[in-house]
Amino acid sequence: MQWTVTIKKRLEKQLGQLPKAVKASLIALMKDIENYGPVRGNWPNYGQLSSSRHHCHLKKGRPTYVAVWEVKNKERKLVEVIYAGTHEKAPY
């Protein structure tokens, strides 16, 4: 059974401001989460921030772009991407 990945409303509005390469990486990350689950050790600088919150880098360099996602319901396999943007503003 696949995971369901949603995007936080605030992030939906900000997607248009992300560079194309970062947006493409975010879409690829979301597809990986759908197919293989929220633990993505194969992504650059992946880290588990808490029992339900994870992050990884979408683009290295300056500025560094990161994504943060949260497992909302393990039984229903529901994940929500809560942030995608520069490293400085990430909700760690």
N, C-alpha and C. Protein backbone atom coordinates (compact mmCIF):
# COMPACT_ATOMS: atom_id res chain seq x y z
N MET A 1 0.84 -1.20 0.00
CA MET A 1 0.00 0.00 0.00
C MET A 1 0.88 1.25 0.00
N GLN A 2 0.56 2.19 -0.85
CA GLN A 2 1.33 3.42 -0.96
C GLN A 2 0.96 4.42 0.13
N TRP A 3 1.88 5.33 0.37
CA TRP A 3 1.64 6.42 1.30
C TRP A 3 0.94 7.55 0.56
N THR A 4 0.12 8.31 1.26
CA THR A 4 -0.53 9.49 0.71
C THR A 4 0.25 10.72 1.16
N VAL A 5 0.69 11.54 0.22
CA VAL A 5 1.48 12.73 0.53
C VAL A 5 0.66 13.97 0.19
N THR A 6 0.49 14.86 1.17
CA THR A 6 -0.22 16.12 0.96
C THR A 6 0.75 17.27 1.19
N ILE A 7 0.33 18.46 0.77
CA ILE A 7 1.14 19.66 0.94
C ILE A 7 0.37 20.65 1.80
N LYS A 8 1.05 21.25 2.75
CA LYS A 8 0.43 22.26 3.60
C LYS A 8 -0.03 23.44 2.74
N LYS A 9 -1.16 24.03 3.10
CA LYS A 9 -1.74 25.13 2.31
C LYS A 9 -0.76 26.27 2.06
N ARG A 10 -0.02 26.66 3.10
CA ARG A 10 0.92 27.77 2.95
C ARG A 10 1.99 27.44 1.93
N LEU A 11 2.43 26.18 1.91
CA LEU A 11 3.45 25.74 0.96
C LEU A 11 2.92 25.77 -0.47
N GLU A 12 1.65 25.44 -0.67
CA GLU A 12 1.06 25.48 -2.01
C GLU A 12 1.22 26.85 -2.63
N LYS A 13 1.03 27.90 -1.83
CA LYS A 13 1.14 29.27 -2.32
C LYS A 13 2.59 29.62 -2.66
N GLN A 14 3.55 29.05 -1.94
CA GLN A 14 4.96 29.39 -2.11
C GLN A 14 5.64 28.59 -3.23
N LEU A 15 4.99 27.55 -3.74
CA LEU A 15 5.62 26.71 -4.77
C LEU A 15 6.01 27.49 -6.01
N GLY A 16 5.24 28.49 -6.37
CA GLY A 16 5.55 29.29 -7.55
C GLY A 16 6.82 30.10 -7.42
N GLN A 17 7.25 30.35 -6.19
CA GLN A 17 8.45 31.15 -5.95
C GLN A 17 9.73 30.32 -5.91
N LEU A 18 9.59 28.99 -5.85
CA LEU A 18 10.77 28.13 -5.81
C LEU A 18 11.40 28.02 -7.19
N PRO A 19 12.74 27.91 -7.24
CA PRO A 19 13.40 27.66 -8.53
C PRO A 19 12.93 26.34 -9.14
N LYS A 20 12.98 26.25 -10.47
CA LYS A 20 12.49 25.06 -11.17
C LYS A 20 13.18 23.78 -10.71
N ALA A 21 14.50 23.83 -10.52
CA ALA A 21 15.25 22.64 -10.10
C ALA A 21 14.82 22.18 -8.71
N VAL A 22 14.55 23.12 -7.82
CA VAL A 22 14.12 22.79 -6.46
C VAL A 22 12.72 22.20 -6.49
N LYS A 23 11.85 22.78 -7.31
CA LYS A 23 10.48 22.27 -7.44
C LYS A 23 10.49 20.85 -7.99
N ALA A 24 11.37 20.58 -8.97
CA ALA A 24 11.48 19.24 -9.54
C ALA A 24 12.00 18.25 -8.49
N SER A 25 12.95 18.67 -7.67
CA SER A 25 13.46 17.81 -6.60
C SER A 25 12.37 17.52 -5.57
N LEU A 26 11.56 18.52 -5.25
CA LEU A 26 10.47 18.33 -4.29
C LEU A 26 9.46 17.32 -4.82
N ILE A 27 9.12 17.41 -6.09
CA ILE A 27 8.18 16.47 -6.69
C ILE A 27 8.76 15.06 -6.66
N ALA A 28 10.06 14.93 -6.97
CA ALA A 28 10.71 13.61 -6.94
C ALA A 28 10.72 13.05 -5.51
N LEU A 29 10.97 13.92 -4.52
CA LEU A 29 10.96 13.49 -3.13
C LEU A 29 9.57 13.01 -2.73
N MET A 30 8.54 13.74 -3.12
CA MET A 30 7.17 13.35 -2.79
C MET A 30 6.82 11.99 -3.40
N LYS A 31 7.28 11.75 -4.62
CA LYS A 31 7.02 10.45 -5.26
C LYS A 31 7.77 9.33 -4.53
N ASP A 32 9.00 9.61 -4.08
CA ASP A 32 9.74 8.62 -3.30
C ASP A 32 9.02 8.30 -1.99
N ILE A 33 8.51 9.33 -1.33
CA ILE A 33 7.78 9.12 -0.07
C ILE A 33 6.52 8.30 -0.33
N GLU A 34 5.81 8.61 -1.41
CA GLU A 34 4.60 7.84 -1.76
C GLU A 34 4.92 6.36 -1.94
N ASN A 35 6.00 6.07 -2.64
CA ASN A 35 6.34 4.69 -2.98
C ASN A 35 7.05 3.93 -1.88
N TYR A 36 7.92 4.61 -1.12
CA TYR A 36 8.79 3.89 -0.19
C TYR A 36 8.65 4.31 1.28
N GLY A 37 7.82 5.30 1.57
CA GLY A 37 7.62 5.72 2.96
C GLY A 37 8.41 6.96 3.33
N PRO A 38 8.18 7.48 4.54
CA PRO A 38 8.76 8.77 4.94
C PRO A 38 10.24 8.74 5.29
N VAL A 39 10.82 7.60 5.58
CA VAL A 39 12.24 7.53 5.93
C VAL A 39 13.03 7.45 4.63
N ARG A 40 13.71 8.54 4.28
CA ARG A 40 14.39 8.65 2.99
C ARG A 40 15.90 8.81 3.17
N GLY A 41 16.56 7.79 3.63
CA GLY A 41 18.01 7.84 3.84
C GLY A 41 18.82 7.99 2.58
N ASN A 42 18.21 7.81 1.41
CA ASN A 42 18.93 7.94 0.14
C ASN A 42 18.96 9.38 -0.38
N TRP A 43 18.38 10.33 0.34
CA TRP A 43 18.40 11.74 -0.06
C TRP A 43 19.52 12.46 0.68
N PRO A 44 20.10 13.52 0.06
CA PRO A 44 21.23 14.22 0.68
C PRO A 44 20.86 14.86 2.02
N ASN A 45 21.72 14.67 3.00
CA ASN A 45 21.57 15.25 4.33
C ASN A 45 20.22 14.94 4.97
N TYR A 46 19.72 13.72 4.72
CA TYR A 46 18.46 13.32 5.35
C TYR A 46 18.67 13.22 6.85
N GLY A 47 17.64 13.63 7.59
CA GLY A 47 17.69 13.49 9.04
C GLY A 47 16.29 13.35 9.61
N GLN A 48 16.19 12.56 10.66
CA GLN A 48 14.92 12.42 11.36
C GLN A 48 14.96 13.40 12.52
N LEU A 49 14.08 14.40 12.50
CA LEU A 49 14.10 15.46 13.50
C LEU A 49 13.40 15.04 14.79
N SER A 50 12.37 14.23 14.66
CA SER A 50 11.66 13.66 15.82
C SER A 50 11.07 12.34 15.36
N SER A 51 10.22 11.76 16.18
CA SER A 51 9.66 10.46 15.79
C SER A 51 8.77 10.56 14.56
N SER A 52 8.22 11.76 14.28
CA SER A 52 7.33 11.89 13.13
C SER A 52 7.77 12.94 12.12
N ARG A 53 8.84 13.68 12.39
CA ARG A 53 9.27 14.76 11.49
C ARG A 53 10.62 14.44 10.87
N HIS A 54 10.73 14.69 9.55
CA HIS A 54 11.94 14.38 8.79
C HIS A 54 12.32 15.58 7.93
N HIS A 55 13.59 15.61 7.47
CA HIS A 55 14.01 16.66 6.54
C HIS A 55 15.14 16.15 5.66
N CYS A 56 15.36 16.83 4.53
CA CYS A 56 16.51 16.55 3.66
C CYS A 56 16.77 17.79 2.81
N HIS A 57 17.93 17.79 2.16
CA HIS A 57 18.29 18.90 1.26
C HIS A 57 17.72 18.63 -0.13
N LEU A 58 17.15 19.66 -0.73
CA LEU A 58 16.69 19.59 -2.11
C LEU A 58 17.75 20.13 -3.06
N LYS A 59 18.54 21.11 -2.57
CA LYS A 59 19.61 21.71 -3.38
C LYS A 59 20.70 22.16 -2.44
N LYS A 60 21.92 21.73 -2.72
CA LYS A 60 23.06 22.15 -1.92
C LYS A 60 23.60 23.45 -2.47
N GLY A 61 24.48 24.09 -1.72
CA GLY A 61 25.10 25.33 -2.15
C GLY A 61 24.46 26.52 -1.46
N ARG A 62 24.59 27.67 -2.10
CA ARG A 62 24.03 28.88 -1.50
C ARG A 62 23.02 29.48 -2.44
N PRO A 63 21.79 29.64 -2.05
CA PRO A 63 21.24 29.16 -0.78
C PRO A 63 20.92 27.66 -0.84
N THR A 64 20.95 27.03 0.31
CA THR A 64 20.59 25.62 0.41
C THR A 64 19.08 25.53 0.59
N TYR A 65 18.44 24.67 -0.16
CA TYR A 65 16.99 24.48 -0.04
C TYR A 65 16.73 23.14 0.64
N VAL A 66 15.78 23.14 1.56
CA VAL A 66 15.44 21.92 2.30
C VAL A 66 13.94 21.67 2.23
N ALA A 67 13.57 20.43 2.53
CA ALA A 67 12.16 20.06 2.67
C ALA A 67 11.98 19.43 4.05
N VAL A 68 10.84 19.72 4.66
CA VAL A 68 10.50 19.13 5.95
C VAL A 68 9.12 18.50 5.81
N TRP A 69 9.00 17.24 6.26
CA TRP A 69 7.71 16.56 6.18
C TRP A 69 7.42 15.86 7.49
N GLU A 70 6.14 15.59 7.71
CA GLU A 70 5.68 15.05 8.97
C GLU A 70 4.71 13.89 8.73
N VAL A 71 4.87 12.82 9.50
CA VAL A 71 3.94 11.70 9.41
C VAL A 71 2.71 12.08 10.24
N LYS A 72 1.57 12.21 9.58
CA LYS A 72 0.34 12.60 10.27
C LYS A 72 -0.39 11.39 10.84
N ASN A 73 -0.37 10.26 10.12
CA ASN A 73 -1.06 9.06 10.57
C ASN A 73 -0.35 7.83 10.00
N LYS A 74 0.32 7.06 10.88
CA LYS A 74 1.06 5.88 10.42
C LYS A 74 0.13 4.79 9.92
N GLU A 75 -1.01 4.61 10.58
CA GLU A 75 -1.93 3.54 10.20
C GLU A 75 -2.54 3.78 8.82
N ARG A 76 -2.89 5.02 8.54
CA ARG A 76 -3.47 5.36 7.23
C ARG A 76 -2.41 5.74 6.21
N LYS A 77 -1.15 5.73 6.64
CA LYS A 77 -0.01 6.08 5.79
C LYS A 77 -0.19 7.47 5.17
N LEU A 78 -0.31 8.47 6.04
CA LEU A 78 -0.52 9.86 5.62
C LEU A 78 0.67 10.72 6.02
N VAL A 79 1.27 11.40 5.04
CA VAL A 79 2.42 12.27 5.25
C VAL A 79 2.07 13.65 4.70
N GLU A 80 2.51 14.71 5.42
CA GLU A 80 2.28 16.08 4.94
C GLU A 80 3.62 16.80 4.84
N VAL A 81 3.90 17.37 3.67
CA VAL A 81 5.08 18.20 3.48
C VAL A 81 4.72 19.56 4.06
N ILE A 82 5.47 19.98 5.09
CA ILE A 82 5.11 21.23 5.78
C ILE A 82 5.99 22.41 5.39
N TYR A 83 7.15 22.14 4.77
CA TYR A 83 8.04 23.24 4.38
C TYR A 83 8.94 22.83 3.24
N ALA A 84 9.16 23.74 2.31
CA ALA A 84 10.17 23.61 1.27
C ALA A 84 10.66 25.02 0.99
N GLY A 85 11.93 25.24 1.24
CA GLY A 85 12.49 26.58 1.04
C GLY A 85 13.93 26.63 1.52
N THR A 86 14.40 27.84 1.78
CA THR A 86 15.80 28.01 2.17
C THR A 86 16.04 27.46 3.57
N HIS A 87 17.26 27.07 3.78
CA HIS A 87 17.67 26.43 5.04
C HIS A 87 17.47 27.37 6.24
N GLU A 88 17.66 28.66 6.05
CA GLU A 88 17.60 29.61 7.15
C GLU A 88 16.21 29.68 7.79
N LYS A 89 15.18 29.50 7.02
CA LYS A 89 13.81 29.65 7.53
C LYS A 89 13.14 28.32 7.87
N ALA A 90 13.88 27.22 7.81
CA ALA A 90 13.30 25.90 8.02
C ALA A 90 12.80 25.72 9.46
N PRO A 91 11.65 25.10 9.65
CA PRO A 91 11.08 24.89 10.99
C PRO A 91 11.64 23.65 11.66
N TYR A 92 12.87 23.75 12.18
CA TYR A 92 13.49 22.60 12.83
C TYR A 92 13.02 22.52 14.25
